[in-house]
Amino acid sequence: MKRYLIIGAGAIGASLAAQFELNGIPYRLFGRGEQIRHIQAHGIRYVRPEGTRSIRLQACADRSELALTQHDRLIFTTKTQDLERACADWAWLPVPGDGPARTASGLPVLTPQNGMAAERIALRWFSQVYGASVNTPARYTELGQIVVGGDPEPGLMVVGRFPQGEDKLAAEIAADLCRAGYLAEAQPDILRWKAAKLINSVRNNALDLFEGPAGLLQAYAAELAQEAMAVFGAMGIAPARAQERRQRVSHWGIAPGCGIEPGQQSTWQSLARGASHEVDFLNGEIVLLGRLHGVATPFNQAIQQAIGQLCQSSHSAPGGAHRGVCLGQVESLFTVARELAART
């Protein structure tokens, strides 16, 4: 029987497991640390615009608790910075049976991480990699509680084989995500959809941590996005446009008063929990791609450097972070980035 193994119990992983649980789709949720232990003992408090419910999830803290099968599909919902370790942990687990997979490396995997690096990381270990571009307004800042504000569906997803292509399995995964309540579809050019999501991420995620005049922050966001667009242009990638979706999504949005607040995206949430952040795979990904393709990215470099120095100086991510704490005003970084841009 087909089954999804969700590896990572944060906002995306736990909410996906909740949707699978509510809609009768076979799954198991795997995680580490206090969060997964809490879920095993108490389930999660799942907050949606239509109401809050407590849900018991099929959760495991140890891979040895479950034998893999030929029909399993892995969904890695860790942050990108944790993906390499997760792939290495899972790839060589044995898969009994007479099917083609002898180890987990032969099973299909789905990578819904932000950025452009996850699929290439997974492909080092797994032969069937499917990328996913995910827009799920979710919040995980309290132990055992996941807030998802997408309305009426919890989120939008696009799935496609990596590096390109649309096949039967991609369509099946998208159909299962639809059964789980998402607005999901398969597309043959997943990198274009991942690029479109990354532009939004570099423009907004890290800037959630800064305070300053609204006009200045908006100007900085525009510079970050412009650099990303220049990089993708040099790579020959045209980011996907919303009107290319096959499904109608004009009715979808974030419900007012749902608990999802502006300025509290995934980077902010990670620092608020005292966890590692993914800026090196968001703004830092644009910096890397810019260096590879000869495109200057001083504004993304300034953001990456500022947050890296913050975490280095405090020896860990600052728990309880909120907009403006620790990083101060953005004007000095803006000036430095301008100077860097003028030199290139």
C-alpha atoms as a PDB file:
ATOM      1  CA  MET A   1       0.000   0.000   0.000  1.00  0.00           C
ATOM      2  CA  LYS A   2       1.275   3.470  -0.898  1.00  0.00           C
ATOM      3  CA  ARG A   3       2.538   5.420   2.106  1.00  0.00           C
ATOM      4  CA  TYR A   4       4.246   8.783   2.643  1.00  0.00           C
ATOM      5  CA  LEU A   5       7.097   9.130   5.127  1.00  0.00           C
ATOM      6  CA  ILE A   6       7.345  12.774   6.215  1.00  0.00           C
ATOM      7  CA  ILE A   7      10.828  13.529   7.546  1.00  0.00           C
ATOM      8  CA  GLY A   8      10.852  16.716   9.600  1.00  0.00           C
ATOM      9  CA  ALA A   9       8.191  17.774  12.108  1.00  0.00           C
ATOM     10  CA  GLY A  10       8.273  21.555  11.752  1.00  0.00           C
ATOM     11  CA  ALA A  11       5.554  23.792  10.354  1.00  0.00           C
ATOM     12  CA  ILE A  12       5.382  22.198   6.905  1.00  0.00           C
ATOM     13  CA  GLY A  13       5.956  18.592   7.968  1.00  0.00           C
ATOM     14  CA  ALA A  14       3.555  18.566  10.915  1.00  0.00           C
ATOM     15  CA  SER A  15       0.813  20.415   9.021  1.00  0.00           C
ATOM     16  CA  LEU A  16       1.197  18.033   6.074  1.00  0.00           C
ATOM     17  CA  ALA A  17       0.892  15.091   8.461  1.00  0.00           C
ATOM     18  CA  ALA A  18      -2.216  16.673   9.974  1.00  0.00           C
ATOM     19  CA  GLN A  19      -3.815  17.047   6.547  1.00  0.00           C
ATOM     20  CA  PHE A  20      -2.952  13.431   5.692  1.00  0.00           C
ATOM     21  CA  GLU A  21      -4.394  12.268   9.002  1.00  0.00           C
ATOM     22  CA  LEU A  22      -7.614  14.208   8.499  1.00  0.00           C
ATOM     23  CA  ASN A  23      -8.089  12.909   4.953  1.00  0.00           C
ATOM     24  CA  GLY A  24      -7.153   9.260   5.388  1.00  0.00           C
ATOM     25  CA  ILE A  25      -3.862   9.211   3.461  1.00  0.00           C
ATOM     26  CA  PRO A  26      -1.351   6.660   4.858  1.00  0.00           C
ATOM     27  CA  TYR A  27       1.735   8.356   6.313  1.00  0.00           C
ATOM     28  CA  ARG A  28       4.261   8.434   9.127  1.00  0.00           C
ATOM     29  CA  LEU A  29       5.856  11.577  10.565  1.00  0.00           C
ATOM     30  CA  PHE A  30       9.488  11.454  11.673  1.00  0.00           C
ATOM     31  CA  GLY A  31      11.336  14.091  13.666  1.00  0.00           C
ATOM     32  CA  ARG A  32      13.948  14.815  16.281  1.00  0.00           C
ATOM     33  CA  GLY A  33      14.067  16.350  19.716  1.00  0.00           C
ATOM     34  CA  GLU A  34      11.425  17.833  21.943  1.00  0.00           C
ATOM     35  CA  GLN A  35       8.882  18.548  19.198  1.00  0.00           C
ATOM     36  CA  ILE A  36       8.507  14.940  18.043  1.00  0.00           C
ATOM     37  CA  ARG A  37       8.434  13.667  21.624  1.00  0.00           C
ATOM     38  CA  HIS A  38       5.638  16.116  22.388  1.00  0.00           C
ATOM     39  CA  ILE A  39       3.737  15.052  19.265  1.00  0.00           C
ATOM     40  CA  GLN A  40       4.081  11.385  20.214  1.00  0.00           C
ATOM     41  CA  ALA A  41       2.776  12.041  23.700  1.00  0.00           C
ATOM     42  CA  HIS A  42       0.115  14.675  23.027  1.00  0.00           C
ATOM     43  CA  GLY A  43      -0.426  15.117  19.291  1.00  0.00           C
ATOM     44  CA  ILE A  44      -0.534  18.652  17.911  1.00  0.00           C
ATOM     45  CA  ARG A  45      -2.772  21.640  18.362  1.00  0.00           C
ATOM     46  CA  TYR A  46      -3.683  22.421  14.748  1.00  0.00           C
ATOM     47  CA  VAL A  47      -4.891  25.987  14.280  1.00  0.00           C
ATOM     48  CA  ARG A  48      -6.782  26.731  11.060  1.00  0.00           C
ATOM     49  CA  PRO A  49      -9.072  29.640  10.095  1.00  0.00           C
ATOM     50  CA  GLU A  50     -12.132  27.428  10.567  1.00  0.00           C
ATOM     51  CA  GLY A  51     -11.117  26.414  14.077  1.00  0.00           C
ATOM     52  CA  THR A  52      -8.599  24.671  16.308  1.00  0.00           C
ATOM     53  CA  ARG A  53      -8.420  20.973  16.958  1.00  0.00           C
ATOM     54  CA  SER A  54      -6.137  18.545  18.733  1.00  0.00           C
ATOM     55  CA  ILE A  55      -4.920  15.820  16.388  1.00  0.00           C
ATOM     56  CA  ARG A  56      -3.078  12.639  17.218  1.00  0.00           C
ATOM     57  CA  LEU A  57      -0.449  11.982  14.567  1.00  0.00           C
ATOM     58  CA  GLN A  58       1.313   8.768  13.569  1.00  0.00           C
ATOM     59  CA  ALA A  59       4.709   9.975  14.715  1.00  0.00           C
ATOM     60  CA  CYS A  60       8.072   8.238  15.093  1.00  0.00           C
ATOM     61  CA  ALA A  61      11.312   9.469  16.654  1.00  0.00           C
ATOM     62  CA  ASP A  62      13.435   6.548  15.482  1.00  0.00           C
ATOM     63  CA  ARG A  63      13.703   5.110  11.963  1.00  0.00           C
ATOM     64  CA  SER A  64      14.016   1.645  13.479  1.00  0.00           C
ATOM     65  CA  GLU A  65      10.380   1.872  14.584  1.00  0.00           C
ATOM     66  CA  LEU A  66       9.244   1.289  11.008  1.00  0.00           C
ATOM     67  CA  ALA A  67      10.220  -1.106   8.202  1.00  0.00           C
ATOM     68  CA  LEU A  68      10.377   0.465   4.753  1.00  0.00           C
ATOM     69  CA  THR A  69       8.369  -0.971   1.879  1.00  0.00           C
ATOM     70  CA  GLN A  70       8.600  -0.831  -1.914  1.00  0.00           C
ATOM     71  CA  HIS A  71       5.557   1.471  -1.922  1.00  0.00           C
ATOM     72  CA  ASP A  72       6.934   4.180   0.359  1.00  0.00           C
ATOM     73  CA  ARG A  73       7.532   7.748  -0.777  1.00  0.00           C
ATOM     74  CA  LEU A  74       9.741  10.060   1.257  1.00  0.00           C
ATOM     75  CA  ILE A  75       8.951  13.732   1.815  1.00  0.00           C
ATOM     76  CA  PHE A  76      11.865  15.637   3.323  1.00  0.00           C
ATOM     77  CA  THR A  77      10.414  18.598   5.215  1.00  0.00           C
ATOM     78  CA  THR A  78      13.576  19.555   7.072  1.00  0.00           C
ATOM     79  CA  LYS A  79      15.142  22.937   6.402  1.00  0.00           C
ATOM     80  CA  THR A  80      17.655  22.903   3.570  1.00  0.00           C
ATOM     81  CA  GLN A  81      20.607  23.240   5.959  1.00  0.00           C
ATOM     82  CA  ASP A  82      19.555  19.932   7.571  1.00  0.00           C
ATOM     83  CA  LEU A  83      18.727  18.078   4.354  1.00  0.00           C
ATOM     84  CA  GLU A  84      22.144  16.574   3.612  1.00  0.00           C
ATOM     85  CA  ARG A  85      22.267  14.864   6.975  1.00  0.00           C
ATOM     86  CA  ALA A  86      18.699  13.597   6.574  1.00  0.00           C
ATOM     87  CA  CYS A  87      19.443  12.180   3.112  1.00  0.00           C
ATOM     88  CA  ALA A  88      22.543  10.399   4.365  1.00  0.00           C
ATOM     89  CA  ASP A  89      20.607   8.983   7.334  1.00  0.00           C
ATOM     90  CA  TRP A  90      17.834   7.547   5.163  1.00  0.00           C
ATOM     91  CA  ALA A  91      19.357   6.627   1.807  1.00  0.00           C
ATOM     92  CA  TRP A  92      20.942   3.293   2.694  1.00  0.00           C
ATOM     93  CA  LEU A  93      18.196   1.852   4.876  1.00  0.00           C
ATOM     94  CA  PRO A  94      17.150  -1.557   3.503  1.00  0.00           C
ATOM     95  CA  VAL A  95      13.899  -1.979   1.605  1.00  0.00           C
ATOM     96  CA  PRO A  96      12.652  -5.586   1.729  1.00  0.00           C
ATOM     97  CA  GLY A  97      10.679  -7.155  -1.083  1.00  0.00           C
ATOM     98  CA  ASP A  98      11.026  -8.054  -4.742  1.00  0.00           C
ATOM     99  CA  GLY A  99      10.622  -4.535  -6.124  1.00  0.00           C
ATOM    100  CA  PRO A 100      13.328  -2.414  -7.755  1.00  0.00           C
ATOM    101  CA  ALA A 101      14.410  -0.636  -4.569  1.00  0.00           C
ATOM    102  CA  ARG A 102      17.016  -2.434  -2.484  1.00  0.00           C
ATOM    103  CA  THR A 103      17.612   0.574  -0.260  1.00  0.00           C
ATOM    104  CA  ALA A 104      15.688   3.790   0.363  1.00  0.00           C
ATOM    105  CA  SER A 105      17.869   5.450  -2.268  1.00  0.00           C
ATOM    106  CA  GLY A 106      15.677   3.778  -4.897  1.00  0.00           C
ATOM    107  CA  LEU A 107      12.426   5.205  -3.479  1.00  0.00           C
ATOM    108  CA  PRO A 108      10.889   8.452  -4.781  1.00  0.00           C
ATOM    109  CA  VAL A 109      11.549  11.558  -2.677  1.00  0.00           C
ATOM    110  CA  LEU A 110       9.844  14.942  -2.602  1.00  0.00           C
ATOM    111  CA  THR A 111      11.774  18.095  -1.621  1.00  0.00           C
ATOM    112  CA  PRO A 112       9.505  21.055  -0.742  1.00  0.00           C
ATOM    113  CA  GLN A 113      12.279  23.261   0.689  1.00  0.00           C
ATOM    114  CA  ASN A 114      12.634  26.918  -0.239  1.00  0.00           C
ATOM    115  CA  GLY A 115      15.510  27.795  -2.531  1.00  0.00           C
ATOM    116  CA  MET A 116      17.196  25.976  -5.409  1.00  0.00           C
ATOM    117  CA  ALA A 117      19.616  23.654  -3.603  1.00  0.00           C
ATOM    118  CA  ALA A 118      17.467  20.889  -2.093  1.00  0.00           C
ATOM    119  CA  GLU A 119      16.868  18.853  -5.236  1.00  0.00           C
ATOM    120  CA  ARG A 120      20.543  18.753  -6.162  1.00  0.00           C
ATOM    121  CA  ILE A 121      21.426  17.731  -2.595  1.00  0.00           C
ATOM    122  CA  ALA A 122      18.874  14.891  -2.648  1.00  0.00           C
ATOM    123  CA  LEU A 123      19.967  13.679  -6.082  1.00  0.00           C
ATOM    124  CA  ARG A 124      23.360  12.756  -4.638  1.00  0.00           C
ATOM    125  CA  TRP A 125      21.642   9.964  -2.692  1.00  0.00           C
ATOM    126  CA  PHE A 126      18.275   9.336  -4.398  1.00  0.00           C
ATOM    127  CA  SER A 127      17.601   8.443  -8.019  1.00  0.00           C
ATOM    128  CA  GLN A 128      13.995   9.708  -8.167  1.00  0.00           C
ATOM    129  CA  VAL A 129      13.801  13.297  -6.950  1.00  0.00           C
ATOM    130  CA  TYR A 130      10.684  15.426  -7.245  1.00  0.00           C
ATOM    131  CA  GLY A 131      10.880  19.093  -6.381  1.00  0.00           C
ATOM    132  CA  ALA A 132       7.983  21.016  -4.895  1.00  0.00           C
ATOM    133  CA  SER A 133       7.271  24.715  -4.710  1.00  0.00           C
ATOM    134  CA  VAL A 134       5.136  25.299  -1.639  1.00  0.00           C
ATOM    135  CA  ASN A 135       3.130  28.288  -0.508  1.00  0.00           C
ATOM    136  CA  THR A 136       1.720  27.361   2.886  1.00  0.00           C
ATOM    137  CA  PRO A 137       1.392  30.240   5.359  1.00  0.00           C
ATOM    138  CA  ALA A 138       2.355  28.230   8.438  1.00  0.00           C
ATOM    139  CA  ARG A 139       3.763  29.134  11.823  1.00  0.00           C
ATOM    140  CA  TYR A 140       5.609  26.970  14.316  1.00  0.00           C
ATOM    141  CA  THR A 141       6.874  28.952  17.280  1.00  0.00           C
ATOM    142  CA  GLU A 142       5.200  27.081  20.149  1.00  0.00           C
ATOM    143  CA  LEU A 143       5.897  23.483  21.079  1.00  0.00           C
ATOM    144  CA  GLY A 144       3.144  21.211  19.799  1.00  0.00           C
ATOM    145  CA  GLN A 145       1.224  23.938  17.964  1.00  0.00           C
ATOM    146  CA  ILE A 146       1.065  24.559  14.222  1.00  0.00           C
ATOM    147  CA  VAL A 147      -0.841  27.512  12.771  1.00  0.00           C
ATOM    148  CA  VAL A 148      -1.804  27.377   9.079  1.00  0.00           C
ATOM    149  CA  GLY A 149      -3.628  30.411   7.726  1.00  0.00           C
ATOM    150  CA  GLY A 150      -4.266  29.414   4.100  1.00  0.00           C
ATOM    151  CA  ASP A 151      -7.948  29.795   3.275  1.00  0.00           C
ATOM    152  CA  PRO A 152      -9.917  27.856   2.218  1.00  0.00           C
ATOM    153  CA  GLU A 153      -7.158  25.365   1.362  1.00  0.00           C
ATOM    154  CA  PRO A 154      -4.088  25.197   3.635  1.00  0.00           C
ATOM    155  CA  GLY A 155      -1.676  25.931   0.784  1.00  0.00           C
ATOM    156  CA  LEU A 156      -0.604  25.843  -2.851  1.00  0.00           C
ATOM    157  CA  MET A 157       1.856  23.260  -4.210  1.00  0.00           C
ATOM    158  CA  VAL A 158       3.512  22.590  -7.547  1.00  0.00           C
ATOM    159  CA  VAL A 159       5.308  19.259  -8.056  1.00  0.00           C
ATOM    160  CA  GLY A 160       7.677  18.182 -10.814  1.00  0.00           C
ATOM    161  CA  ARG A 161      10.448  15.703 -11.491  1.00  0.00           C
ATOM    162  CA  PHE A 162      13.954  17.106 -11.061  1.00  0.00           C
ATOM    163  CA  PRO A 163      15.717  18.428 -13.033  1.00  0.00           C
ATOM    164  CA  GLN A 164      12.721  18.539 -15.344  1.00  0.00           C
ATOM    165  CA  GLY A 165       9.830  16.509 -16.609  1.00  0.00           C
ATOM    166  CA  GLU A 166       6.287  15.570 -15.702  1.00  0.00           C
ATOM    167  CA  ASP A 167       5.514  11.890 -15.270  1.00  0.00           C
ATOM    168  CA  LYS A 168       2.872   9.596 -13.819  1.00  0.00           C
ATOM    169  CA  LEU A 169       4.349   9.672 -10.339  1.00  0.00           C
ATOM    170  CA  ALA A 170       4.447  13.476 -10.232  1.00  0.00           C
ATOM    171  CA  ALA A 171       0.769  13.502 -11.190  1.00  0.00           C
ATOM    172  CA  GLU A 172      -0.020  10.903  -8.499  1.00  0.00           C
ATOM    173  CA  ILE A 173       1.779  12.895  -5.811  1.00  0.00           C
ATOM    174  CA  ALA A 174      -0.076  16.052  -6.826  1.00  0.00           C
ATOM    175  CA  ALA A 175      -3.379  14.153  -6.762  1.00  0.00           C
ATOM    176  CA  ASP A 176      -2.643  12.848  -3.251  1.00  0.00           C
ATOM    177  CA  LEU A 177      -1.830  16.373  -2.084  1.00  0.00           C
ATOM    178  CA  CYS A 178      -5.168  17.495  -3.508  1.00  0.00           C
ATOM    179  CA  ARG A 179      -6.879  14.692  -1.590  1.00  0.00           C
ATOM    180  CA  ALA A 180      -5.128  16.002   1.507  1.00  0.00           C
ATOM    181  CA  GLY A 181      -6.773  19.386   0.954  1.00  0.00           C
ATOM    182  CA  TYR A 182      -4.085  21.374  -0.894  1.00  0.00           C
ATOM    183  CA  LEU A 183      -4.333  23.122  -4.231  1.00  0.00           C
ATOM    184  CA  ALA A 184      -1.666  21.033  -5.922  1.00  0.00           C
ATOM    185  CA  GLU A 185      -0.630  20.300  -9.494  1.00  0.00           C
ATOM    186  CA  ALA A 186       2.230  18.808 -11.497  1.00  0.00           C
ATOM    187  CA  GLN A 187       4.356  20.914 -13.839  1.00  0.00           C
ATOM    188  CA  PRO A 188       7.233  19.833 -16.120  1.00  0.00           C
ATOM    189  CA  ASP A 189       9.591  22.715 -15.250  1.00  0.00           C
ATOM    190  CA  ILE A 190       9.882  22.656 -11.469  1.00  0.00           C
ATOM    191  CA  LEU A 191      13.014  24.834 -11.417  1.00  0.00           C
ATOM    192  CA  ARG A 192      11.002  27.760 -12.797  1.00  0.00           C
ATOM    193  CA  TRP A 193       8.517  27.402  -9.937  1.00  0.00           C
ATOM    194  CA  LYS A 194      11.265  27.085  -7.361  1.00  0.00           C
ATOM    195  CA  ALA A 195      12.914  30.207  -8.816  1.00  0.00           C
ATOM    196  CA  ALA A 196       9.676  32.173  -8.521  1.00  0.00           C
ATOM    197  CA  LYS A 197       9.318  31.170  -4.869  1.00  0.00           C
ATOM    198  CA  LEU A 198      12.967  32.007  -4.150  1.00  0.00           C
ATOM    199  CA  ILE A 199      12.524  35.557  -5.461  1.00  0.00           C
ATOM    200  CA  ASN A 200       9.761  36.053  -2.903  1.00  0.00           C
ATOM    201  CA  SER A 201      11.859  34.450  -0.157  1.00  0.00           C
ATOM    202  CA  VAL A 202      14.973  36.583  -0.696  1.00  0.00           C
ATOM    203  CA  ARG A 203      12.821  39.696  -0.894  1.00  0.00           C
ATOM    204  CA  ASN A 204      10.945  39.119   2.352  1.00  0.00           C
ATOM    205  CA  ASN A 205      12.235  36.426   4.709  1.00  0.00           C
ATOM    206  CA  ALA A 206      15.447  37.969   6.037  1.00  0.00           C
ATOM    207  CA  LEU A 207      14.062  41.511   6.017  1.00  0.00           C
ATOM    208  CA  ASP A 208      11.538  40.377   8.638  1.00  0.00           C
ATOM    209  CA  LEU A 209      14.417  40.750  11.105  1.00  0.00           C
ATOM    210  CA  PHE A 210      15.125  44.417  10.331  1.00  0.00           C
ATOM    211  CA  GLU A 211      13.459  47.600  11.388  1.00  0.00           C
ATOM    212  CA  GLY A 212      13.614  50.921   9.617  1.00  0.00           C
ATOM    213  CA  PRO A 213      11.536  53.275   7.485  1.00  0.00           C
ATOM    214  CA  ALA A 214       9.024  51.373   5.383  1.00  0.00           C
ATOM    215  CA  GLY A 215      10.173  53.060   2.197  1.00  0.00           C
ATOM    216  CA  LEU A 216      13.784  52.069   2.821  1.00  0.00           C
ATOM    217  CA  LEU A 217      12.867  48.446   3.537  1.00  0.00           C
ATOM    218  CA  GLN A 218      10.765  48.327   0.377  1.00  0.00           C
ATOM    219  CA  ALA A 219      13.646  49.722  -1.646  1.00  0.00           C
ATOM    220  CA  TYR A 220      16.009  47.136  -0.194  1.00  0.00           C
ATOM    221  CA  ALA A 221      13.489  44.357  -0.948  1.00  0.00           C
ATOM    222  CA  ALA A 222      13.315  45.537  -4.548  1.00  0.00           C
ATOM    223  CA  GLU A 223      17.116  45.424  -4.834  1.00  0.00           C
ATOM    224  CA  LEU A 224      17.204  41.877  -3.440  1.00  0.00           C
ATOM    225  CA  ALA A 225      14.576  40.723  -5.923  1.00  0.00           C
ATOM    226  CA  GLN A 226      16.257  42.499  -8.827  1.00  0.00           C
ATOM    227  CA  GLU A 227      19.530  40.714  -8.100  1.00  0.00           C
ATOM    228  CA  ALA A 228      17.718  37.371  -8.025  1.00  0.00           C
ATOM    229  CA  MET A 229      16.056  38.106 -11.354  1.00  0.00           C
ATOM    230  CA  ALA A 230      19.436  39.034 -12.872  1.00  0.00           C
ATOM    231  CA  VAL A 231      20.931  35.768 -11.667  1.00  0.00           C
ATOM    232  CA  PHE A 232      18.099  33.700 -13.126  1.00  0.00           C
ATOM    233  CA  GLY A 233      18.397  35.613 -16.373  1.00  0.00           C
ATOM    234  CA  ALA A 234      22.072  34.682 -16.569  1.00  0.00           C
ATOM    235  CA  MET A 235      21.127  31.051 -15.921  1.00  0.00           C
ATOM    236  CA  GLY A 236      18.472  31.063 -18.652  1.00  0.00           C
ATOM    237  CA  ILE A 237      15.658  30.456 -16.158  1.00  0.00           C
ATOM    238  CA  ALA A 238      12.402  32.383 -16.562  1.00  0.00           C
ATOM    239  CA  PRO A 239      10.624  32.225 -13.174  1.00  0.00           C
ATOM    240  CA  ALA A 240       7.093  30.860 -13.419  1.00  0.00           C
ATOM    241  CA  ARG A 241       4.164  33.269 -13.357  1.00  0.00           C
ATOM    242  CA  ALA A 242       1.004  32.777 -11.330  1.00  0.00           C
ATOM    243  CA  GLN A 243      -1.152  32.699 -14.472  1.00  0.00           C
ATOM    244  CA  GLU A 244       0.668  29.569 -15.616  1.00  0.00           C
ATOM    245  CA  ARG A 245      -1.037  27.523 -12.932  1.00  0.00           C
ATOM    246  CA  ARG A 246      -3.470  24.974 -14.269  1.00  0.00           C
ATOM    247  CA  GLN A 247      -5.732  25.337 -11.263  1.00  0.00           C
ATOM    248  CA  ARG A 248      -7.713  28.416 -10.374  1.00  0.00           C
ATOM    249  CA  VAL A 249      -6.208  29.970  -7.235  1.00  0.00           C
ATOM    250  CA  SER A 250      -7.709  33.477  -7.296  1.00  0.00           C
ATOM    251  CA  HIS A 251     -10.033  32.552  -4.431  1.00  0.00           C
ATOM    252  CA  TRP A 252      -7.162  31.511  -2.158  1.00  0.00           C
ATOM    253  CA  GLY A 253      -5.446  33.705   0.425  1.00  0.00           C
ATOM    254  CA  ILE A 254      -4.414  34.127   4.040  1.00  0.00           C
ATOM    255  CA  ALA A 255      -7.401  34.439   6.349  1.00  0.00           C
ATOM    256  CA  PRO A 256      -7.538  37.644   8.437  1.00  0.00           C
ATOM    257  CA  GLY A 257      -7.001  37.081  12.148  1.00  0.00           C
ATOM    258  CA  CYS A 258      -5.746  33.531  11.635  1.00  0.00           C
ATOM    259  CA  GLY A 259      -2.555  33.924  13.666  1.00  0.00           C
ATOM    260  CA  ILE A 260      -0.247  34.405  10.673  1.00  0.00           C
ATOM    261  CA  GLU A 261       1.206  37.879  11.041  1.00  0.00           C
ATOM    262  CA  PRO A 262       3.164  39.917   8.480  1.00  0.00           C
ATOM    263  CA  GLY A 263       6.886  39.897   9.139  1.00  0.00           C
ATOM    264  CA  GLN A 264       6.965  36.437  10.710  1.00  0.00           C
ATOM    265  CA  GLN A 265       8.022  34.119   7.898  1.00  0.00           C
ATOM    266  CA  SER A 266      10.209  31.031   8.265  1.00  0.00           C
ATOM    267  CA  THR A 267      13.510  32.808   9.015  1.00  0.00           C
ATOM    268  CA  TRP A 268      11.919  34.868  11.780  1.00  0.00           C
ATOM    269  CA  GLN A 269      10.288  31.726  13.187  1.00  0.00           C
ATOM    270  CA  SER A 270      13.566  29.814  13.209  1.00  0.00           C
ATOM    271  CA  LEU A 271      15.350  32.543  15.146  1.00  0.00           C
ATOM    272  CA  ALA A 272      12.381  32.921  17.481  1.00  0.00           C
ATOM    273  CA  ARG A 273      12.698  29.223  18.374  1.00  0.00           C
ATOM    274  CA  GLY A 274      16.474  29.448  18.746  1.00  0.00           C
ATOM    275  CA  ALA A 275      16.930  27.156  15.731  1.00  0.00           C
ATOM    276  CA  SER A 276      19.289  27.407  12.774  1.00  0.00           C
ATOM    277  CA  HIS A 277      18.197  29.616   9.897  1.00  0.00           C
ATOM    278  CA  GLU A 278      18.067  29.042   6.120  1.00  0.00           C
ATOM    279  CA  VAL A 279      19.349  32.432   4.940  1.00  0.00           C
ATOM    280  CA  ASP A 280      22.490  30.802   3.510  1.00  0.00           C
ATOM    281  CA  PHE A 281      20.188  28.842   1.186  1.00  0.00           C
ATOM    282  CA  LEU A 282      17.948  31.806   0.334  1.00  0.00           C
ATOM    283  CA  ASN A 283      19.904  35.061  -0.013  1.00  0.00           C
ATOM    284  CA  GLY A 284      23.065  32.971   0.151  1.00  0.00           C
ATOM    285  CA  GLU A 285      21.829  30.868  -2.756  1.00  0.00           C
ATOM    286  CA  ILE A 286      21.518  34.003  -4.889  1.00  0.00           C
ATOM    287  CA  VAL A 287      25.048  34.972  -3.838  1.00  0.00           C
ATOM    288  CA  LEU A 288      26.369  31.522  -4.815  1.00  0.00           C
ATOM    289  CA  LEU A 289      24.557  31.455  -8.161  1.00  0.00           C
ATOM    290  CA  GLY A 290      25.674  34.997  -8.856  1.00  0.00           C
ATOM    291  CA  ARG A 291      29.294  34.041  -8.309  1.00  0.00           C
ATOM    292  CA  LEU A 292      28.912  31.008 -10.572  1.00  0.00           C
ATOM    293  CA  HIS A 293      27.297  33.012 -13.368  1.00  0.00           C
ATOM    294  CA  GLY A 294      29.145  36.310 -13.117  1.00  0.00           C
ATOM    295  CA  VAL A 295      26.350  38.433 -11.602  1.00  0.00           C
ATOM    296  CA  ALA A 296      27.041  40.859  -8.733  1.00  0.00           C
ATOM    297  CA  THR A 297      24.722  40.385  -5.747  1.00  0.00           C
ATOM    298  CA  PRO A 298      25.892  42.906  -3.101  1.00  0.00           C
ATOM    299  CA  PHE A 299      22.495  43.366  -1.434  1.00  0.00           C
ATOM    300  CA  ASN A 300      21.898  39.650  -0.928  1.00  0.00           C
ATOM    301  CA  GLN A 301      25.497  39.353   0.256  1.00  0.00           C
ATOM    302  CA  ALA A 302      24.932  42.114   2.812  1.00  0.00           C
ATOM    303  CA  ILE A 303      21.835  40.377   4.202  1.00  0.00           C
ATOM    304  CA  GLN A 304      23.591  37.014   4.401  1.00  0.00           C
ATOM    305  CA  GLN A 305      26.599  38.580   6.116  1.00  0.00           C
ATOM    306  CA  ALA A 306      24.542  40.533   8.641  1.00  0.00           C
ATOM    307  CA  ILE A 307      22.538  37.542   9.818  1.00  0.00           C
ATOM    308  CA  GLY A 308      25.608  35.308   9.807  1.00  0.00           C
ATOM    309  CA  GLN A 309      27.457  37.770  12.012  1.00  0.00           C
ATOM    310  CA  LEU A 310      24.467  38.065  14.330  1.00  0.00           C
ATOM    311  CA  CYS A 311      24.336  34.335  14.931  1.00  0.00           C
ATOM    312  CA  GLN A 312      28.117  34.059  15.173  1.00  0.00           C
ATOM    313  CA  SER A 313      28.385  36.831  17.755  1.00  0.00           C
ATOM    314  CA  SER A 314      25.654  35.307  19.911  1.00  0.00           C
ATOM    315  CA  HIS A 315      27.037  31.760  19.356  1.00  0.00           C
ATOM    316  CA  SER A 316      23.488  30.631  18.560  1.00  0.00           C
ATOM    317  CA  ALA A 317      20.309  31.931  17.048  1.00  0.00           C
ATOM    318  CA  PRO A 318      18.665  34.437  19.420  1.00  0.00           C
ATOM    319  CA  GLY A 319      15.574  32.904  20.976  1.00  0.00           C
ATOM    320  CA  GLY A 320      12.574  35.186  21.268  1.00  0.00           C
ATOM    321  CA  ALA A 321      13.585  37.245  18.229  1.00  0.00           C
ATOM    322  CA  HIS A 322      11.040  39.632  16.777  1.00  0.00           C
ATOM    323  CA  ARG A 323      11.103  42.371  14.217  1.00  0.00           C
ATOM    324  CA  GLY A 324      14.081  44.652  14.857  1.00  0.00           C
ATOM    325  CA  VAL A 325      15.632  42.910  17.860  1.00  0.00           C
ATOM    326  CA  CYS A 326      19.447  42.569  17.700  1.00  0.00           C
ATOM    327  CA  LEU A 327      19.867  43.729  14.090  1.00  0.00           C
ATOM    328  CA  GLY A 328      18.933  47.358  14.571  1.00  0.00           C
ATOM    329  CA  GLN A 329      18.478  49.742  11.700  1.00  0.00           C
ATOM    330  CA  VAL A 330      18.966  48.679   8.085  1.00  0.00           C
ATOM    331  CA  GLU A 331      20.397  51.964   6.794  1.00  0.00           C
ATOM    332  CA  SER A 332      24.066  51.089   7.318  1.00  0.00           C
ATOM    333  CA  LEU A 333      23.757  47.805   5.454  1.00  0.00           C
ATOM    334  CA  PHE A 334      21.919  49.536   2.661  1.00  0.00           C
ATOM    335  CA  THR A 335      24.795  52.026   2.342  1.00  0.00           C
ATOM    336  CA  VAL A 336      27.441  49.290   2.379  1.00  0.00           C
ATOM    337  CA  ALA A 337      25.593  47.348  -0.299  1.00  0.00           C
ATOM    338  CA  ARG A 338      25.365  50.456  -2.444  1.00  0.00           C
ATOM    339  CA  GLU A 339      29.125  50.935  -2.104  1.00  0.00           C
ATOM    340  CA  LEU A 340      29.739  47.295  -3.042  1.00  0.00           C
ATOM    341  CA  ALA A 341      27.467  47.642  -6.065  1.00  0.00           C
ATOM    342  CA  ALA A 342      29.312  50.761  -7.194  1.00  0.00           C
ATOM    343  CA  ARG A 343      32.653  48.907  -7.126  1.00  0.00           C
ATOM    344  CA  THR A 344      31.450  45.984  -9.257  1.00  0.00           C
END
